[in-house]
Amino acid sequence: MLSELIQSGIMDIQDTTFDRAERCPECGGALAGHDIKRKKFATVLEDGNPKEVCVNVKRFRCRECGKLVYAKSPFYSGIRTGTPIVDFCIANKNRHPANHISKILKNMSIFVNPGSVRNYERSDIPSPQSVEFFGINFPISLLNLSGTGIPDSDQTKSMLMMQMIMQKRR
């Protein structure tokens, strides 16, 4: 069930457009829209066949210094895979070898080759907040992708995943 929720969350992000940016990170100048770039967020396996899940990221040009600036999006700088997938690899790097992490992801119908897992592990990205289920660390960023929320007594959205986690800890 957990892997189905995660895959559903990844599929739901397909064609989402990220178009928010405040100011130029270099000089603080105002930004003007430039174009929209399609980026691969993840590769999922449907009936054993790879399918790319892509998102759209707006790019801006700084009016002061001319720098090209990407909108805030779920990608680490210099990495072409979505943050939640990279977080999963990093969260498990001290627990499982890269080829095993790749197999775990494949069992969840997410394709990441072991070489990419090794590259993510070698990066300077800090270990994400995660929850351990049956010897596997699931980063909160990946669990939150499911988008399955239920209203709590305060009428705010609480993630179903977080409620499952809290019940597991009791």
Foldseek 3Di string as FASTA:
>chain_A
DQLVLLVLLLQVQAAAEFEDDQADPPPRADWDWDAKDKAFAFWFADVNRTDTRIYIWTWTAGPPPRDIHIGDDQDDPPDRYGVQLLLQLQQCVVQDQLCVSQVVVVVSRTHDHSVVSVVSNPDPDDRADFDDDPSGTRHPVSSCSSVDWDQDPVRDTDRPVVVVRVVVVD
